[in-house]
Amino acid sequence: MNKKRMVAGAILLVFVSSIMTFYLTRLIPLAYGGSVIVPREEYNLIKQYSKLFQVENILTNDYVDKIDQSKLVDGSIKGLASSLGDPYTVYMDKKDYQDFTTQTTGSYAGVGIVVSVDKDGHIVVVSPMKGTPGEKAGIKSGDIIVSVDNVKVNGNNLDKAVSLMKGPQGTKVSLVLMRDNKLITKTLTREIIKLQTVSSTMLPGNIGYIKMTMFDENTSADFTKALDGLKSQGLKGLIIDLRDNPGGILEQCVNIANELLPKGLIVSTKGRQSKDNQVIYAKGPGLQKPIAVLVNGGSASASEILSGAIKDRKVGVLVGTKTFGKGLVQSVIDFGDGTALKYTSARYYTPSGVNIQGKGIEPNYVVELPKNYVVTDTPDLKGDTQLIKAYDIVKSEIK
């Protein structure tokens, strides 16, 4: 009888031990002397990336020169991110991340051009910023950047190209551009770039004009200030100029849409994770005056969210040419050591449910600019055919 109890107890002990081992090895690593038992998920991950560790081991031990381990780690992480083929998903080392944050929050030394990646993988100039070396050198929207300081660049190393164009104030940088199938070289002197994203003026007939060059962390506050100033002057209608505006911070765009739209949908985002699924509404009442928005092929991302909402909600009309077509949302994970991962976390959809990635938005009124006409920051009601059309539309709708 006692022997039977002992056998039963042993079986129970083994059974309980197996259960504990099963759960513990799925949850936490267990150390046994010089070995460690890891959860099954971690084991599978280690097995999956075993070749990566083999390569690291070979290079560390047998490469002709001594290896900088931190460069190996950074390089392997960058490779993981770039393997997706998404130019907007990148691992940023300390320098990259510092450059990224200064672009949206402060000033930096550079040439002042905004770039993106086209469908063919080229780095294309979205727009030169006002008063910067890029604008002074005559760089235009649509120019393709072939090389920076003799380093060939393309969409797969977008961040590297941006980094190369930045540098100490007063130093020179050489760009080779492709324009109309011809190569041209521009040598620019880097300057401190201070972002002024909003400018405004009142046009004849009390029609306001607000131009936004991008959506940085101050843009919505500056927009509200500009709009309030126009209202105090008797605003009757509004023209918003988003031409060559590459986008920026989603929250800033939403704040501005909330000023213009009546209560209802602004934009929705959809990702794989529930946290990336958002439906964002305007609180209303909106501007309640005629609105026309100027757009072109340099109007991207947040510009398209704002213009798409205005068009879909029939709050105003779009005038110009088709927008760029960037319908992706990026999130940034700060690792706390000066590095970060920027990755595409969701697609956004206009109020009509359209994702415009790679498609762009067709304006209500397609209007081309005269050949060789260059848009400046001063509204031109004599030569800017797109502005003239928008002005006529708003004027005709004022009651």
Protein backbone atom coordinates (compact mmCIF):
# COMPACT_ATOMS: atom_id res chain seq x y z
CA MET A 1 0.00 0.00 0.00
CA ASN A 2 2.79 2.36 1.00
CA LYS A 3 4.69 1.39 -2.17
CA LYS A 4 1.66 2.24 -4.30
CA ARG A 5 1.37 5.62 -2.58
CA MET A 6 5.06 6.27 -3.20
CA VAL A 7 4.68 5.45 -6.94
CA ALA A 8 1.58 7.66 -7.18
CA GLY A 9 3.42 10.45 -5.38
CA ALA A 10 6.39 10.13 -7.73
CA ILE A 11 4.14 10.27 -10.80
CA LEU A 12 2.35 13.31 -9.39
CA LEU A 13 5.67 14.98 -8.61
CA VAL A 14 6.96 14.37 -12.15
CA PHE A 15 3.66 15.61 -13.57
CA VAL A 16 3.70 18.78 -11.48
CA SER A 17 7.38 19.31 -12.26
CA SER A 18 6.68 18.96 -15.99
CA ILE A 19 3.87 21.48 -15.80
CA MET A 20 6.04 23.94 -13.88
CA THR A 21 8.95 23.48 -16.31
CA PHE A 22 6.58 23.91 -19.25
CA TYR A 23 5.16 27.19 -17.96
CA LEU A 24 8.36 28.55 -16.48
CA THR A 25 10.33 27.92 -19.67
CA ARG A 26 7.65 29.74 -21.60
CA LEU A 27 7.78 32.72 -19.28
CA ILE A 28 11.23 33.35 -17.83
CA PRO A 29 14.79 32.18 -18.46
CA LEU A 30 16.11 29.64 -15.96
CA ALA A 31 19.83 29.38 -15.17
CA TYR A 32 21.50 26.04 -14.53
CA GLY A 33 25.19 26.51 -13.85
CA GLY A 34 26.69 27.73 -17.11
CA SER A 35 23.49 27.16 -19.13
CA VAL A 36 20.25 29.08 -19.39
CA ILE A 37 16.83 27.70 -20.23
CA VAL A 38 14.89 30.30 -22.18
CA PRO A 39 11.18 30.48 -23.06
CA ARG A 40 10.25 28.60 -26.23
CA GLU A 41 9.47 31.84 -28.08
CA GLU A 42 12.96 33.17 -27.34
CA TYR A 43 14.52 29.86 -28.37
CA ASN A 44 12.68 29.93 -31.69
CA LEU A 45 13.80 33.53 -32.20
CA ILE A 46 17.43 32.66 -31.48
CA LYS A 47 17.19 29.69 -33.85
CA GLN A 48 15.64 31.89 -36.57
CA TYR A 49 18.46 34.43 -36.34
CA SER A 50 21.25 31.93 -35.72
CA LYS A 51 22.93 32.80 -39.05
CA LEU A 52 23.11 36.44 -37.97
CA PHE A 53 24.97 35.40 -34.84
CA GLN A 54 27.28 33.17 -36.91
CA VAL A 55 28.13 36.11 -39.18
CA GLU A 56 28.78 38.32 -36.17
CA ASN A 57 31.05 35.67 -34.68
CA ILE A 58 32.99 35.19 -37.93
CA LEU A 59 33.51 38.91 -38.42
CA THR A 60 34.45 39.49 -34.80
CA ASN A 61 37.07 36.73 -34.81
CA ASP A 62 38.35 36.54 -38.38
CA TYR A 63 37.85 39.92 -40.09
CA VAL A 64 41.13 41.49 -41.19
CA ASP A 65 40.72 44.45 -38.82
CA LYS A 66 39.33 44.73 -35.33
CA ILE A 67 35.55 45.12 -35.35
CA ASP A 68 33.60 47.93 -33.67
CA GLN A 69 30.79 45.94 -32.04
CA SER A 70 28.45 48.92 -31.79
CA LYS A 71 28.69 49.47 -35.57
CA LEU A 72 27.89 45.82 -36.16
CA VAL A 73 24.79 46.05 -33.98
CA ASP A 74 23.60 49.32 -35.55
CA GLY A 75 24.26 47.99 -39.05
CA SER A 76 22.37 44.76 -38.46
CA ILE A 77 19.36 46.63 -37.05
CA LYS A 78 19.38 49.05 -39.99
CA GLY A 79 19.47 46.04 -42.30
CA LEU A 80 16.40 44.57 -40.61
CA ALA A 81 14.44 47.79 -41.10
CA SER A 82 15.56 48.40 -44.69
CA SER A 83 14.77 44.81 -45.71
CA LEU A 84 11.09 45.80 -45.77
CA GLY A 85 11.71 48.00 -48.79
CA ASP A 86 9.77 50.79 -47.15
CA PRO A 87 11.75 54.05 -47.38
CA TYR A 88 9.81 55.45 -44.43
CA THR A 89 10.78 52.59 -42.09
CA VAL A 90 14.28 53.21 -40.77
CA TYR A 91 16.40 52.59 -37.70
CA MET A 92 17.97 55.85 -36.60
CA ASP A 93 21.32 55.86 -34.80
CA LYS A 94 22.15 58.79 -32.53
CA LYS A 95 23.10 61.16 -35.33
CA ASP A 96 20.13 60.16 -37.50
CA TYR A 97 17.70 60.61 -34.61
CA GLN A 98 19.15 63.98 -33.68
CA ASP A 99 18.74 65.12 -37.27
CA PHE A 100 15.17 63.81 -37.34
CA THR A 101 14.11 65.66 -34.19
CA THR A 102 15.71 68.95 -35.19
CA GLN A 103 13.86 68.84 -38.51
CA THR A 104 10.47 69.04 -36.81
CA THR A 105 11.26 70.86 -33.59
CA GLY A 106 14.06 73.34 -34.07
CA SER A 107 16.75 74.66 -36.34
CA TYR A 108 19.60 72.92 -38.07
CA ALA A 109 22.43 73.61 -40.49
CA GLY A 110 21.63 72.39 -43.97
CA VAL A 111 20.44 73.39 -47.42
CA GLY A 112 16.71 73.67 -46.72
CA ILE A 113 15.14 71.32 -49.21
CA VAL A 114 12.39 68.81 -48.44
CA VAL A 115 12.78 65.44 -50.11
CA SER A 116 10.81 62.24 -50.49
CA VAL A 117 10.97 59.02 -52.51
CA ASP A 118 9.02 58.54 -55.74
CA LYS A 119 7.54 55.28 -57.04
CA ASP A 120 10.75 54.49 -58.94
CA GLY A 121 12.88 54.73 -55.81
CA HIS A 122 14.45 58.09 -56.64
CA ILE A 123 15.03 60.77 -54.03
CA VAL A 124 12.95 63.64 -55.34
CA VAL A 125 12.82 67.25 -54.19
CA VAL A 126 9.36 67.96 -52.82
CA SER A 127 10.10 71.64 -52.29
CA PRO A 128 12.90 74.04 -51.39
CA MET A 129 12.17 76.07 -48.25
CA LYS A 130 11.80 79.82 -48.52
CA GLY A 131 15.03 81.79 -48.30
CA THR A 132 17.25 78.73 -47.88
CA PRO A 133 20.38 77.78 -49.87
CA GLY A 134 18.22 75.29 -51.79
CA GLU A 135 15.85 77.99 -53.03
CA LYS A 136 18.68 80.46 -53.71
CA ALA A 137 20.48 77.83 -55.82
CA GLY A 138 17.39 77.35 -57.99
CA ILE A 139 16.59 73.80 -56.90
CA LYS A 140 13.03 72.96 -57.95
CA SER A 141 10.24 70.64 -56.92
CA GLY A 142 10.62 67.43 -58.93
CA ASP A 143 14.42 67.53 -59.20
CA ILE A 144 15.91 64.07 -58.59
CA ILE A 145 18.96 63.96 -56.31
CA VAL A 146 21.53 61.63 -57.88
CA SER A 147 24.47 62.19 -55.54
CA VAL A 148 25.56 64.22 -52.55
CA ASP A 149 29.27 65.09 -52.30
CA ASN A 150 29.99 62.40 -54.91
CA VAL A 151 28.12 59.73 -52.91
CA LYS A 152 25.38 58.14 -55.03
CA VAL A 153 22.03 58.14 -53.26
CA ASN A 154 18.57 56.68 -53.84
CA GLY A 155 15.39 55.88 -51.97
CA ASN A 156 17.01 52.98 -50.12
CA ASN A 157 19.37 55.33 -48.31
CA LEU A 158 17.12 58.37 -47.99
CA ASP A 159 18.21 59.14 -44.44
CA LYS A 160 21.86 58.92 -45.42
CA ALA A 161 21.27 61.43 -48.22
CA VAL A 162 19.54 63.80 -45.80
CA SER A 163 22.39 63.39 -43.33
CA LEU A 164 24.98 64.14 -46.02
CA MET A 165 23.20 67.37 -46.95
CA LYS A 166 23.46 68.57 -43.36
CA GLY A 167 26.64 69.72 -41.70
CA PRO A 168 28.34 72.63 -39.97
CA GLN A 169 27.13 76.11 -40.90
CA GLY A 170 29.22 77.72 -43.63
CA THR A 171 30.51 74.47 -45.15
CA LYS A 172 29.77 73.54 -48.77
CA VAL A 173 27.93 70.55 -50.17
CA SER A 174 27.67 69.49 -53.82
CA LEU A 175 24.47 68.01 -55.27
CA VAL A 176 24.09 66.33 -58.65
CA LEU A 177 20.48 66.61 -59.81
CA MET A 178 18.52 65.10 -62.68
CA ARG A 179 16.13 67.59 -64.31
CA ASP A 180 14.46 67.03 -67.70
CA ASN A 181 16.80 64.02 -68.25
CA LYS A 182 19.85 66.24 -67.84
CA LEU A 183 22.40 66.19 -65.01
CA ILE A 184 23.12 69.48 -63.31
CA THR A 185 25.46 70.21 -60.42
CA LYS A 186 24.70 72.67 -57.63
CA THR A 187 27.18 73.68 -54.92
CA LEU A 188 25.47 75.11 -51.87
CA THR A 189 26.71 76.64 -48.63
CA ARG A 190 24.95 75.25 -45.57
CA GLU A 191 23.08 77.74 -43.40
CA ILE A 192 21.07 77.57 -40.18
CA ILE A 193 17.55 76.65 -41.25
CA LYS A 194 14.80 78.08 -39.06
CA LEU A 195 11.38 76.76 -39.87
CA GLN A 196 8.69 79.39 -40.45
CA THR A 197 5.78 77.31 -41.63
CA VAL A 198 2.84 79.75 -41.74
CA SER A 199 2.40 83.09 -43.52
CA SER A 200 -0.81 85.00 -44.25
CA THR A 201 -2.22 88.08 -45.90
CA MET A 202 -5.60 89.56 -46.82
CA LEU A 203 -6.42 89.68 -50.54
CA PRO A 204 -8.88 92.14 -52.12
CA GLY A 205 -12.54 91.51 -51.23
CA ASN A 206 -11.64 90.35 -47.72
CA ILE A 207 -10.49 86.96 -48.96
CA GLY A 208 -7.81 85.60 -46.66
CA TYR A 209 -4.72 83.75 -47.85
CA ILE A 210 -2.77 81.38 -45.58
CA LYS A 211 0.26 79.47 -46.82
CA MET A 212 1.67 76.52 -44.88
CA THR A 213 5.03 75.07 -45.89
CA MET A 214 4.87 72.04 -43.55
CA PHE A 215 3.25 70.82 -40.32
CA ASP A 216 5.78 71.09 -37.51
CA GLU A 217 4.98 71.28 -33.81
CA ASN A 218 4.13 75.00 -33.97
CA THR A 219 2.10 75.05 -37.18
CA SER A 220 -1.44 74.71 -35.81
CA ALA A 221 -0.88 77.45 -33.20
CA ASP A 222 0.56 79.74 -35.88
CA PHE A 223 -2.34 78.88 -38.20
CA THR A 224 -4.90 79.78 -35.52
CA LYS A 225 -3.10 83.05 -34.88
CA ALA A 226 -3.09 83.87 -38.61
CA LEU A 227 -6.76 82.92 -39.01
CA ASP A 228 -7.81 85.00 -36.01
CA GLY A 229 -5.91 87.95 -37.48
CA LEU A 230 -7.77 87.59 -40.79
CA LYS A 231 -11.12 87.28 -38.98
CA SER A 232 -10.43 90.52 -37.13
CA GLN A 233 -10.04 92.19 -40.55
CA GLY A 234 -13.45 91.01 -41.75
CA LEU A 235 -12.64 87.67 -43.39
CA LYS A 236 -15.30 86.57 -45.94
CA GLY A 237 -13.57 83.59 -47.59
CA LEU A 238 -10.28 81.71 -47.30
CA ILE A 239 -7.60 80.33 -49.63
CA ILE A 240 -5.20 77.82 -48.08
CA ASP A 241 -1.97 77.22 -50.00
CA LEU A 242 -0.58 73.71 -49.47
CA ARG A 243 1.51 73.57 -52.64
CA ASP A 244 4.89 71.89 -52.03
CA ASN A 245 3.90 71.17 -48.42
CA PRO A 246 5.41 67.72 -47.64
CA GLY A 247 3.32 67.12 -44.49
CA GLY A 248 4.58 66.60 -40.96
CA ILE A 249 2.91 65.93 -37.64
CA LEU A 250 -0.58 64.38 -37.85
CA GLU A 251 -1.79 66.10 -34.66
CA GLN A 252 -1.00 69.52 -36.10
CA CYS A 253 -2.96 68.76 -39.25
CA VAL A 254 -5.92 67.53 -37.21
CA ASN A 255 -5.92 70.69 -35.08
CA ILE A 256 -6.14 72.81 -38.23
CA ALA A 257 -8.86 70.65 -39.76
CA ASN A 258 -10.80 71.10 -36.53
CA GLU A 259 -10.74 74.87 -37.12
CA LEU A 260 -12.17 74.53 -40.62
CA LEU A 261 -14.56 71.56 -40.69
CA PRO A 262 -18.02 71.23 -39.16
CA LYS A 263 -18.62 68.38 -36.74
CA GLY A 264 -17.76 65.08 -38.42
CA LEU A 265 -14.96 62.84 -39.68
CA ILE A 266 -11.50 64.20 -40.47
CA VAL A 267 -9.48 61.04 -41.05
CA SER A 268 -9.22 57.41 -39.98
CA THR A 269 -6.14 55.21 -39.64
CA LYS A 270 -5.89 51.44 -39.81
CA GLY A 271 -2.95 49.28 -38.74
CA ARG A 272 -2.36 45.71 -37.58
CA GLN A 273 -2.49 46.72 -33.92
CA SER A 274 -5.65 48.13 -32.35
CA LYS A 275 -3.71 51.11 -30.95
CA ASP A 276 -3.04 52.22 -34.53
CA ASN A 277 -6.70 52.22 -35.47
CA GLN A 278 -8.07 55.70 -34.97
CA VAL A 279 -11.14 57.59 -36.09
CA ILE A 280 -10.63 61.33 -35.67
CA TYR A 281 -13.52 63.77 -35.74
CA ALA A 282 -13.85 67.55 -35.93
CA LYS A 283 -15.77 69.09 -33.07
CA GLY A 284 -17.26 71.87 -35.19
CA PRO A 285 -18.65 74.34 -35.99
CA GLY A 286 -15.81 75.00 -38.46
CA LEU A 287 -15.11 78.14 -40.45
CA GLN A 288 -18.50 78.32 -42.24
CA LYS A 289 -17.07 80.43 -45.08
CA PRO A 290 -16.03 79.56 -48.66
CA ILE A 291 -12.70 77.73 -48.79
CA ALA A 292 -10.36 76.83 -51.65
CA VAL A 293 -7.16 74.84 -51.17
CA LEU A 294 -4.20 75.05 -53.54
CA VAL A 295 -2.41 71.72 -54.08
CA ASN A 296 0.21 70.20 -56.39
CA GLY A 297 2.52 67.22 -56.70
CA GLY A 298 4.50 68.47 -53.71
CA SER A 299 1.47 68.37 -51.39
CA ALA A 300 2.00 65.17 -49.39
CA SER A 301 1.00 63.28 -46.25
CA ALA A 302 -0.57 65.69 -43.71
CA SER A 303 -1.30 68.11 -46.57
CA GLU A 304 -3.31 65.37 -48.23
CA ILE A 305 -5.13 64.54 -45.00
CA LEU A 306 -6.27 68.16 -44.67
CA SER A 307 -7.10 68.68 -48.35
CA GLY A 308 -8.76 65.24 -48.57
CA ALA A 309 -11.00 66.02 -45.61
CA ILE A 310 -11.98 69.41 -47.03
CA LYS A 311 -12.79 67.88 -50.42
CA ASP A 312 -14.62 64.79 -49.14
CA ARG A 313 -16.65 66.74 -46.60
CA LYS A 314 -17.49 69.31 -49.34
CA VAL A 315 -16.34 72.12 -47.07
CA GLY A 316 -14.29 73.61 -49.90
CA VAL A 317 -12.67 72.79 -53.23
CA LEU A 318 -9.16 71.85 -54.30
CA VAL A 319 -7.45 73.78 -57.09
CA GLY A 320 -4.18 72.90 -58.83
CA THR A 321 -2.70 69.54 -59.80
CA LYS A 322 -2.80 66.01 -58.34
CA THR A 323 -1.18 65.61 -54.93
CA PHE A 324 1.87 63.42 -54.14
CA GLY A 325 0.10 60.31 -52.80
CA LYS A 326 1.57 59.44 -49.38
CA GLY A 327 -1.10 57.66 -47.38
CA LEU A 328 1.07 56.11 -44.66
CA VAL A 329 1.44 56.95 -40.98
CA GLN A 330 4.78 56.54 -39.21
CA SER A 331 5.36 55.94 -35.51
CA VAL A 332 8.62 56.54 -33.66
CA ILE A 333 9.94 54.35 -30.85
CA ASP A 334 12.58 56.11 -28.74
CA PHE A 335 14.91 53.49 -27.22
CA GLY A 336 16.10 55.94 -24.57
CA ASP A 337 19.76 55.76 -25.61
CA GLY A 338 19.62 58.38 -28.34
CA THR A 339 18.49 55.93 -31.03
CA ALA A 340 15.01 55.26 -32.37
CA LEU A 341 12.99 53.27 -34.88
CA LYS A 342 10.65 55.06 -37.29
CA TYR A 343 8.26 52.64 -38.91
CA THR A 344 5.08 52.64 -40.91
CA SER A 345 2.35 51.70 -38.44
CA ALA A 346 -0.86 52.44 -40.32
CA ARG A 347 -2.51 53.62 -43.49
CA TYR A 348 -4.79 56.60 -43.35
CA TYR A 349 -8.12 57.00 -45.10
CA THR A 350 -9.94 60.15 -46.13
CA PRO A 351 -13.55 60.61 -44.93
CA SER A 352 -14.80 58.84 -48.09
CA GLY A 353 -12.74 55.77 -47.12
CA VAL A 354 -9.98 56.20 -49.73
CA ASN A 355 -6.32 55.44 -49.06
CA ILE A 356 -4.35 57.64 -51.43
CA GLN A 357 -0.97 55.89 -51.12
CA GLY A 358 0.66 56.00 -54.56
CA LYS A 359 -2.45 57.58 -56.06
CA GLY A 360 -2.70 61.17 -54.85
CA ILE A 361 -5.84 63.30 -54.78
CA GLU A 362 -7.29 64.82 -57.91
CA PRO A 363 -8.33 68.45 -57.31
CA ASN A 364 -11.86 69.62 -58.11
CA TYR A 365 -10.36 72.07 -60.58
CA VAL A 366 -7.20 70.98 -62.43
CA VAL A 367 -5.21 74.10 -63.24
CA GLU A 368 -1.63 74.10 -64.49
CA LEU A 369 0.79 76.94 -63.91
CA PRO A 370 2.22 78.76 -66.92
CA LYS A 371 5.43 77.15 -68.20
CA ASN A 372 8.48 78.31 -66.22
CA TYR A 373 6.27 80.16 -63.73
CA VAL A 374 7.69 79.97 -60.20
CA VAL A 375 5.37 80.31 -57.22
CA THR A 376 6.71 82.65 -54.56
CA ASP A 377 5.53 83.39 -51.03
CA THR A 378 3.90 86.61 -52.21
CA PRO A 379 0.39 85.94 -53.59
CA ASP A 380 0.30 86.84 -57.28
CA LEU A 381 -3.21 87.50 -58.60
CA LYS A 382 -1.87 88.41 -62.05
CA GLY A 383 0.35 85.46 -62.99
CA ASP A 384 -0.42 82.58 -60.59
CA THR A 385 -3.19 80.86 -62.56
CA GLN A 386 -3.99 78.43 -59.73
CA LEU A 387 -4.37 81.21 -57.19
CA ILE A 388 -6.45 83.25 -59.65
CA LYS A 389 -8.85 80.31 -60.12
CA ALA A 390 -9.14 79.74 -56.36
CA TYR A 391 -9.74 83.45 -55.78
CA ASP A 392 -12.51 83.58 -58.41
CA ILE A 393 -14.23 80.51 -56.91
CA VAL A 394 -14.17 81.84 -53.34
CA LYS A 395 -15.27 85.30 -54.49
CA SER A 396 -18.23 83.84 -56.39
CA GLU A 397 -19.38 81.88 -53.30
CA ILE A 398 -19.32 84.83 -50.89
CA LYS A 399 -22.89 85.79 -50.06
